Amino acid sequence: MKNIFVAFDLEEKSKLLLSHAKQLAEKFGSKIWVVHIAAPNPDFVGFDIGPQYIRDTRADELRAEHRYLQEMAAGLEAEGIAAEALLIQGPTVEMILEEAQKLNADLIVAGLHDRGFLHKALFGDTVKQLLKKSKTPLLIVPVD
C-alpha cells in the first residue's frame, strides 16, 4: 500500500481519520494525501459572478483552508510520514474518486458523520455514494 487518500473535511473530529491513516502508513511505509474537497464556486446560468468582495472573501477562505491542510500534512511529515495536502473544488464524491484515481490511491479513508435528515436531503450522503461508486478500497471511520 503506497498511497493513502484521506478525505478530510476540516472538522476537528476528523483528525481521527489522520490517526488511522498514520497507523497504516507507519506499517506499510505509505504516503498520506490529505485532501479536502471544497464546494465549487456557484455558477448560475444568467447570473453575474457577483461583487468583487464576495470573490475576495471566498478566495481568503480557500487560502485559510489550504494552510490548515498543509499544517496537517506538515505534522505528519514531522513524525516521519510522507504526506501532502491538496485542496480541490468540485462535487465531493466525484472529486474524491477522480483524485484518488489520479494519485493511484490504494485506500480511501473517509469519515462517517451522524448527519440529520435535512443535511442528507440537501447534500446527499457522501459515504453511501462512495460505497456505491468506488473501485478503490475504503476505510470508513465513525467520527461522531
N, C-alpha and C. Protein backbone atom coordinates (compact mmCIF):
# COMPACT_ATOMS: atom_id res chain seq x y z
N MET A 1 0.85 -1.16 0.00
CA MET A 1 0.00 0.00 0.00
C MET A 1 0.90 1.23 0.00
N LYS A 2 0.90 1.95 -1.13
CA LYS A 2 1.82 3.08 -1.28
C LYS A 2 1.16 4.43 -1.02
N ASN A 3 -0.11 4.57 -1.37
CA ASN A 3 -0.79 5.85 -1.26
C ASN A 3 -2.10 5.72 -0.51
N ILE A 4 -2.24 6.51 0.54
CA ILE A 4 -3.47 6.54 1.33
C ILE A 4 -4.10 7.92 1.14
N PHE A 5 -5.31 7.93 0.66
CA PHE A 5 -6.06 9.15 0.38
C PHE A 5 -7.01 9.40 1.54
N VAL A 6 -6.82 10.51 2.25
CA VAL A 6 -7.70 10.85 3.37
C VAL A 6 -8.62 11.98 2.93
N ALA A 7 -9.92 11.68 2.87
CA ALA A 7 -10.92 12.69 2.54
C ALA A 7 -11.21 13.48 3.81
N PHE A 8 -10.61 14.64 3.92
CA PHE A 8 -10.60 15.42 5.16
C PHE A 8 -11.55 16.60 5.04
N ASP A 9 -12.48 16.71 5.99
CA ASP A 9 -13.50 17.76 5.88
C ASP A 9 -13.28 18.96 6.80
N LEU A 10 -12.11 19.10 7.37
CA LEU A 10 -11.70 20.26 8.16
C LEU A 10 -12.34 20.35 9.54
N GLU A 11 -13.21 19.42 9.91
CA GLU A 11 -13.76 19.43 11.27
C GLU A 11 -12.73 18.84 12.22
N GLU A 12 -12.70 19.36 13.43
CA GLU A 12 -11.71 18.94 14.42
C GLU A 12 -11.75 17.42 14.64
N LYS A 13 -12.96 16.85 14.72
CA LYS A 13 -13.06 15.41 14.98
C LYS A 13 -12.58 14.56 13.82
N SER A 14 -12.39 15.18 12.66
CA SER A 14 -11.90 14.43 11.51
C SER A 14 -10.40 14.15 11.60
N LYS A 15 -9.73 14.72 12.59
CA LYS A 15 -8.33 14.38 12.80
C LYS A 15 -8.18 12.90 13.13
N LEU A 16 -9.27 12.28 13.57
CA LEU A 16 -9.28 10.84 13.82
C LEU A 16 -8.95 10.07 12.54
N LEU A 17 -9.37 10.59 11.40
CA LEU A 17 -9.05 9.95 10.12
C LEU A 17 -7.54 9.92 9.90
N LEU A 18 -6.89 11.03 10.24
CA LEU A 18 -5.44 11.09 10.08
C LEU A 18 -4.75 10.11 11.01
N SER A 19 -5.30 9.94 12.19
CA SER A 19 -4.72 9.00 13.15
C SER A 19 -4.74 7.57 12.60
N HIS A 20 -5.87 7.18 12.01
CA HIS A 20 -5.97 5.83 11.42
C HIS A 20 -5.05 5.69 10.21
N ALA A 21 -5.03 6.73 9.37
CA ALA A 21 -4.17 6.69 8.18
C ALA A 21 -2.70 6.62 8.61
N LYS A 22 -2.36 7.34 9.66
CA LYS A 22 -0.97 7.35 10.15
C LYS A 22 -0.55 5.95 10.60
N GLN A 23 -1.42 5.25 11.32
CA GLN A 23 -1.10 3.88 11.76
C GLN A 23 -0.81 2.98 10.57
N LEU A 24 -1.63 3.10 9.54
CA LEU A 24 -1.43 2.27 8.35
C LEU A 24 -0.16 2.68 7.61
N ALA A 25 0.07 3.98 7.50
CA ALA A 25 1.26 4.47 6.79
C ALA A 25 2.54 4.01 7.48
N GLU A 26 2.53 4.00 8.81
CA GLU A 26 3.71 3.54 9.55
C GLU A 26 3.99 2.06 9.27
N LYS A 27 2.94 1.27 9.19
CA LYS A 27 3.11 -0.17 8.97
C LYS A 27 3.52 -0.51 7.54
N PHE A 28 3.00 0.26 6.58
CA PHE A 28 3.23 -0.08 5.18
C PHE A 28 4.21 0.86 4.47
N GLY A 29 4.69 1.90 5.16
CA GLY A 29 5.57 2.87 4.51
C GLY A 29 4.84 3.68 3.45
N SER A 30 3.60 3.98 3.70
CA SER A 30 2.75 4.68 2.72
C SER A 30 2.88 6.19 2.81
N LYS A 31 2.50 6.83 1.73
CA LYS A 31 2.36 8.29 1.70
C LYS A 31 0.90 8.61 1.96
N ILE A 32 0.65 9.66 2.75
CA ILE A 32 -0.71 10.09 3.04
C ILE A 32 -1.01 11.36 2.25
N TRP A 33 -2.11 11.34 1.54
CA TRP A 33 -2.61 12.51 0.82
C TRP A 33 -3.78 13.05 1.63
N VAL A 34 -3.62 14.22 2.23
CA VAL A 34 -4.69 14.87 2.99
C VAL A 34 -5.43 15.77 2.02
N VAL A 35 -6.66 15.39 1.69
CA VAL A 35 -7.39 16.08 0.62
C VAL A 35 -8.73 16.60 1.14
N HIS A 36 -8.96 17.86 0.87
CA HIS A 36 -10.26 18.46 1.19
C HIS A 36 -10.92 18.88 -0.11
N ILE A 37 -12.18 18.51 -0.26
CA ILE A 37 -12.95 18.93 -1.43
C ILE A 37 -13.81 20.11 -1.00
N ALA A 38 -13.47 21.28 -1.51
CA ALA A 38 -14.23 22.49 -1.20
C ALA A 38 -15.40 22.61 -2.17
N ALA A 39 -16.45 23.25 -1.69
CA ALA A 39 -17.62 23.46 -2.55
C ALA A 39 -17.21 24.27 -3.77
N PRO A 40 -17.76 23.91 -4.91
CA PRO A 40 -17.42 24.67 -6.12
C PRO A 40 -17.99 26.08 -6.04
N ASN A 41 -17.39 26.99 -6.79
CA ASN A 41 -17.95 28.33 -6.86
C ASN A 41 -19.30 28.25 -7.55
N PRO A 42 -20.29 28.97 -7.04
CA PRO A 42 -21.62 28.89 -7.68
C PRO A 42 -21.59 29.53 -9.06
N ASP A 43 -21.98 28.76 -10.02
CA ASP A 43 -22.10 29.25 -11.39
C ASP A 43 -23.55 29.05 -11.82
N PHE A 44 -24.30 30.10 -11.77
CA PHE A 44 -25.69 30.01 -12.16
C PHE A 44 -25.85 30.65 -13.53
N VAL A 45 -26.47 29.94 -14.43
CA VAL A 45 -26.67 30.44 -15.78
C VAL A 45 -27.51 31.72 -15.70
N GLY A 46 -27.03 32.77 -16.36
CA GLY A 46 -27.79 34.02 -16.39
C GLY A 46 -27.46 34.96 -15.25
N PHE A 47 -26.58 34.57 -14.36
CA PHE A 47 -26.22 35.43 -13.24
C PHE A 47 -24.77 35.86 -13.36
N ASP A 48 -24.50 37.08 -12.93
CA ASP A 48 -23.12 37.56 -12.90
C ASP A 48 -22.37 36.87 -11.78
N ILE A 49 -21.05 36.98 -11.82
CA ILE A 49 -20.19 36.34 -10.82
C ILE A 49 -20.43 36.93 -9.44
N GLY A 50 -20.78 38.20 -9.37
CA GLY A 50 -21.03 38.83 -8.08
C GLY A 50 -19.99 39.87 -7.78
N PRO A 51 -20.21 40.59 -6.69
CA PRO A 51 -19.27 41.66 -6.34
C PRO A 51 -17.89 41.11 -6.03
N GLN A 52 -16.89 41.96 -6.25
CA GLN A 52 -15.51 41.56 -6.01
C GLN A 52 -15.28 41.14 -4.57
N TYR A 53 -15.91 41.82 -3.62
CA TYR A 53 -15.68 41.48 -2.21
C TYR A 53 -16.14 40.06 -1.89
N ILE A 54 -17.14 39.56 -2.58
CA ILE A 54 -17.59 38.17 -2.38
C ILE A 54 -16.51 37.21 -2.88
N ARG A 55 -15.97 37.49 -4.06
CA ARG A 55 -14.91 36.65 -4.61
C ARG A 55 -13.66 36.70 -3.73
N ASP A 56 -13.33 37.89 -3.23
CA ASP A 56 -12.17 38.04 -2.35
C ASP A 56 -12.35 37.26 -1.05
N THR A 57 -13.55 37.32 -0.49
CA THR A 57 -13.83 36.58 0.74
C THR A 57 -13.69 35.08 0.52
N ARG A 58 -14.23 34.59 -0.58
CA ARG A 58 -14.14 33.16 -0.89
C ARG A 58 -12.69 32.75 -1.10
N ALA A 59 -11.92 33.59 -1.79
CA ALA A 59 -10.50 33.28 -2.02
C ALA A 59 -9.75 33.22 -0.68
N ASP A 60 -10.06 34.14 0.23
CA ASP A 60 -9.43 34.12 1.55
C ASP A 60 -9.78 32.84 2.31
N GLU A 61 -11.04 32.42 2.22
CA GLU A 61 -11.48 31.18 2.89
C GLU A 61 -10.71 29.98 2.35
N LEU A 62 -10.58 29.92 1.03
CA LEU A 62 -9.87 28.79 0.41
C LEU A 62 -8.39 28.78 0.80
N ARG A 63 -7.77 29.96 0.86
CA ARG A 63 -6.37 30.02 1.28
C ARG A 63 -6.21 29.54 2.73
N ALA A 64 -7.13 29.95 3.60
CA ALA A 64 -7.08 29.52 5.00
C ALA A 64 -7.27 28.01 5.11
N GLU A 65 -8.19 27.45 4.34
CA GLU A 65 -8.41 26.01 4.35
C GLU A 65 -7.16 25.28 3.87
N HIS A 66 -6.53 25.80 2.83
CA HIS A 66 -5.34 25.15 2.29
C HIS A 66 -4.19 25.20 3.29
N ARG A 67 -4.03 26.33 3.98
CA ARG A 67 -3.00 26.43 5.02
C ARG A 67 -3.23 25.40 6.12
N TYR A 68 -4.49 25.24 6.52
CA TYR A 68 -4.82 24.26 7.56
C TYR A 68 -4.45 22.84 7.10
N LEU A 69 -4.78 22.51 5.87
CA LEU A 69 -4.42 21.19 5.32
C LEU A 69 -2.90 21.02 5.30
N GLN A 70 -2.20 22.06 4.91
CA GLN A 70 -0.74 21.98 4.87
C GLN A 70 -0.16 21.76 6.27
N GLU A 71 -0.79 22.37 7.28
CA GLU A 71 -0.35 22.15 8.66
C GLU A 71 -0.54 20.68 9.06
N MET A 72 -1.66 20.08 8.64
CA MET A 72 -1.91 18.67 8.96
C MET A 72 -0.83 17.80 8.30
N ALA A 73 -0.53 18.08 7.04
CA ALA A 73 0.50 17.31 6.33
C ALA A 73 1.87 17.54 6.95
N ALA A 74 2.17 18.77 7.34
CA ALA A 74 3.47 19.07 7.97
C ALA A 74 3.61 18.33 9.30
N GLY A 75 2.52 18.20 10.04
CA GLY A 75 2.57 17.44 11.29
C GLY A 75 2.91 15.98 11.05
N LEU A 76 2.34 15.41 10.00
CA LEU A 76 2.67 14.03 9.65
C LEU A 76 4.12 13.91 9.21
N GLU A 77 4.57 14.86 8.40
CA GLU A 77 5.96 14.87 7.93
C GLU A 77 6.93 14.95 9.12
N ALA A 78 6.56 15.75 10.13
CA ALA A 78 7.41 15.90 11.32
C ALA A 78 7.53 14.58 12.08
N GLU A 79 6.55 13.70 11.90
CA GLU A 79 6.57 12.38 12.54
C GLU A 79 7.18 11.32 11.64
N GLY A 80 7.76 11.75 10.51
CA GLY A 80 8.44 10.82 9.63
C GLY A 80 7.56 10.14 8.61
N ILE A 81 6.37 10.67 8.37
CA ILE A 81 5.45 10.07 7.40
C ILE A 81 5.33 11.00 6.20
N ALA A 82 5.55 10.46 5.01
CA ALA A 82 5.41 11.24 3.79
C ALA A 82 3.96 11.68 3.65
N ALA A 83 3.75 12.98 3.45
CA ALA A 83 2.39 13.49 3.35
C ALA A 83 2.35 14.74 2.48
N GLU A 84 1.25 14.89 1.78
CA GLU A 84 0.98 16.10 1.00
C GLU A 84 -0.47 16.48 1.19
N ALA A 85 -0.73 17.77 1.07
CA ALA A 85 -2.09 18.29 1.22
C ALA A 85 -2.59 18.85 -0.10
N LEU A 86 -3.85 18.60 -0.38
CA LEU A 86 -4.48 19.14 -1.59
C LEU A 86 -5.84 19.71 -1.24
N LEU A 87 -6.16 20.84 -1.83
CA LEU A 87 -7.49 21.42 -1.73
C LEU A 87 -8.03 21.49 -3.14
N ILE A 88 -9.18 20.90 -3.36
CA ILE A 88 -9.76 20.81 -4.69
C ILE A 88 -11.20 21.29 -4.60
N GLN A 89 -11.65 22.02 -5.59
CA GLN A 89 -13.04 22.44 -5.63
C GLN A 89 -13.82 21.55 -6.59
N GLY A 90 -15.05 21.24 -6.19
CA GLY A 90 -15.91 20.46 -7.07
C GLY A 90 -16.89 19.64 -6.28
N PRO A 91 -17.66 18.83 -6.98
CA PRO A 91 -18.63 17.95 -6.31
C PRO A 91 -17.87 16.88 -5.52
N THR A 92 -18.22 16.73 -4.27
CA THR A 92 -17.44 15.95 -3.32
C THR A 92 -17.12 14.53 -3.78
N VAL A 93 -18.11 13.73 -4.00
CA VAL A 93 -17.88 12.31 -4.31
C VAL A 93 -17.11 12.15 -5.62
N GLU A 94 -17.52 12.87 -6.63
CA GLU A 94 -16.86 12.76 -7.93
C GLU A 94 -15.39 13.16 -7.83
N MET A 95 -15.11 14.23 -7.08
CA MET A 95 -13.73 14.69 -6.97
C MET A 95 -12.89 13.74 -6.13
N ILE A 96 -13.47 13.16 -5.08
CA ILE A 96 -12.73 12.17 -4.29
C ILE A 96 -12.32 11.00 -5.18
N LEU A 97 -13.26 10.48 -5.93
CA LEU A 97 -12.98 9.31 -6.77
C LEU A 97 -11.99 9.66 -7.89
N GLU A 98 -12.17 10.81 -8.50
CA GLU A 98 -11.29 11.22 -9.60
C GLU A 98 -9.86 11.45 -9.10
N GLU A 99 -9.74 12.16 -7.99
CA GLU A 99 -8.41 12.48 -7.46
C GLU A 99 -7.73 11.24 -6.92
N ALA A 100 -8.48 10.36 -6.26
CA ALA A 100 -7.90 9.11 -5.75
C ALA A 100 -7.33 8.29 -6.90
N GLN A 101 -8.02 8.29 -8.02
CA GLN A 101 -7.52 7.56 -9.19
C GLN A 101 -6.25 8.21 -9.73
N LYS A 102 -6.24 9.54 -9.82
CA LYS A 102 -5.06 10.26 -10.32
C LYS A 102 -3.84 10.00 -9.44
N LEU A 103 -4.07 9.90 -8.13
CA LEU A 103 -2.97 9.72 -7.18
C LEU A 103 -2.61 8.25 -6.98
N ASN A 104 -3.25 7.36 -7.72
CA ASN A 104 -3.04 5.91 -7.56
C ASN A 104 -3.22 5.48 -6.11
N ALA A 105 -4.31 5.97 -5.50
CA ALA A 105 -4.59 5.64 -4.10
C ALA A 105 -4.90 4.15 -3.97
N ASP A 106 -4.30 3.54 -2.96
CA ASP A 106 -4.58 2.15 -2.65
C ASP A 106 -5.70 2.02 -1.64
N LEU A 107 -6.01 3.14 -0.96
CA LEU A 107 -7.04 3.15 0.08
C LEU A 107 -7.57 4.57 0.21
N ILE A 108 -8.89 4.68 0.35
CA ILE A 108 -9.53 5.96 0.65
C ILE A 108 -10.05 5.87 2.09
N VAL A 109 -9.64 6.83 2.92
CA VAL A 109 -10.11 6.91 4.30
C VAL A 109 -11.12 8.05 4.36
N ALA A 110 -12.34 7.74 4.81
CA ALA A 110 -13.40 8.75 4.89
C ALA A 110 -14.10 8.62 6.23
N GLY A 111 -14.67 9.73 6.68
CA GLY A 111 -15.36 9.74 7.95
C GLY A 111 -16.85 9.58 7.79
N LEU A 112 -17.45 8.86 8.73
CA LEU A 112 -18.89 8.69 8.76
C LEU A 112 -19.43 9.60 9.86
N HIS A 113 -20.17 10.61 9.44
CA HIS A 113 -20.76 11.57 10.37
C HIS A 113 -22.23 11.23 10.58
N ASP A 114 -22.71 11.48 11.76
CA ASP A 114 -24.12 11.29 12.06
C ASP A 114 -24.86 12.57 11.69
N ARG A 115 -25.20 12.69 10.43
CA ARG A 115 -25.87 13.89 9.93
C ARG A 115 -27.38 13.67 9.96
N GLY A 116 -28.09 14.74 10.10
CA GLY A 116 -29.55 14.67 10.14
C GLY A 116 -30.17 14.50 8.77
N PHE A 117 -31.47 14.27 8.78
CA PHE A 117 -32.23 14.05 7.55
C PHE A 117 -32.10 15.23 6.59
N LEU A 118 -32.25 16.44 7.12
CA LEU A 118 -32.22 17.62 6.28
C LEU A 118 -30.87 17.76 5.57
N HIS A 119 -29.79 17.54 6.28
CA HIS A 119 -28.45 17.63 5.67
C HIS A 119 -28.31 16.59 4.56
N LYS A 120 -28.75 15.38 4.85
CA LYS A 120 -28.64 14.32 3.83
C LYS A 120 -29.52 14.63 2.62
N ALA A 121 -30.71 15.21 2.88
CA ALA A 121 -31.61 15.54 1.78
C ALA A 121 -31.04 16.64 0.89
N LEU A 122 -30.37 17.61 1.51
CA LEU A 122 -29.81 18.72 0.74
C LEU A 122 -28.48 18.38 0.08
N PHE A 123 -27.63 17.66 0.80
CA PHE A 123 -26.26 17.45 0.32
C PHE A 123 -25.95 16.00 -0.04
N GLY A 124 -26.83 15.08 0.27
CA GLY A 124 -26.57 13.68 -0.02
C GLY A 124 -25.72 13.03 1.06
N ASP A 125 -25.51 11.77 0.94
CA ASP A 125 -24.73 11.01 1.90
C ASP A 125 -23.45 10.57 1.21
N THR A 126 -22.37 11.28 1.51
CA THR A 126 -21.10 11.06 0.83
C THR A 126 -20.61 9.62 0.97
N VAL A 127 -20.63 9.08 2.18
CA VAL A 127 -20.12 7.72 2.40
C VAL A 127 -20.94 6.70 1.62
N LYS A 128 -22.24 6.86 1.62
CA LYS A 128 -23.10 5.92 0.89
C LYS A 128 -22.77 5.95 -0.60
N GLN A 129 -22.56 7.15 -1.15
CA GLN A 129 -22.22 7.27 -2.56
C GLN A 129 -20.83 6.69 -2.85
N LEU A 130 -19.89 6.92 -1.93
CA LEU A 130 -18.55 6.34 -2.11
C LEU A 130 -18.62 4.81 -2.12
N LEU A 131 -19.41 4.26 -1.21
CA LEU A 131 -19.54 2.80 -1.15
C LEU A 131 -20.10 2.24 -2.45
N LYS A 132 -21.00 2.97 -3.07
CA LYS A 132 -21.60 2.51 -4.32
C LYS A 132 -20.66 2.65 -5.52
N LYS A 133 -19.88 3.73 -5.54
CA LYS A 133 -19.15 4.09 -6.75
C LYS A 133 -17.66 3.77 -6.74
N SER A 134 -17.06 3.62 -5.57
CA SER A 134 -15.61 3.49 -5.50
C SER A 134 -15.12 2.11 -5.93
N LYS A 135 -14.06 2.12 -6.74
CA LYS A 135 -13.38 0.88 -7.10
C LYS A 135 -12.14 0.71 -6.23
N THR A 136 -11.80 1.77 -5.48
CA THR A 136 -10.68 1.75 -4.54
C THR A 136 -11.21 1.31 -3.18
N PRO A 137 -10.49 0.44 -2.47
CA PRO A 137 -10.95 0.04 -1.14
C PRO A 137 -11.13 1.26 -0.22
N LEU A 138 -12.12 1.15 0.65
CA LEU A 138 -12.46 2.23 1.57
C LEU A 138 -12.27 1.82 3.02
N LEU A 139 -11.80 2.75 3.82
CA LEU A 139 -11.81 2.59 5.27
C LEU A 139 -12.73 3.68 5.78
N ILE A 140 -13.87 3.29 6.31
CA ILE A 140 -14.87 4.24 6.82
C ILE A 140 -14.72 4.30 8.32
N VAL A 141 -14.46 5.50 8.85
CA VAL A 141 -14.21 5.68 10.28
C VAL A 141 -15.34 6.49 10.87
N PRO A 142 -16.06 5.93 11.86
CA PRO A 142 -17.09 6.74 12.53
C PRO A 142 -16.42 7.85 13.35
N VAL A 143 -16.83 9.10 13.13
CA VAL A 143 -16.17 10.22 13.81
C VAL A 143 -17.07 10.92 14.81
N ASP A 144 -18.29 10.51 14.95
CA ASP A 144 -19.20 11.12 15.92
C ASP A 144 -19.32 10.29 17.17
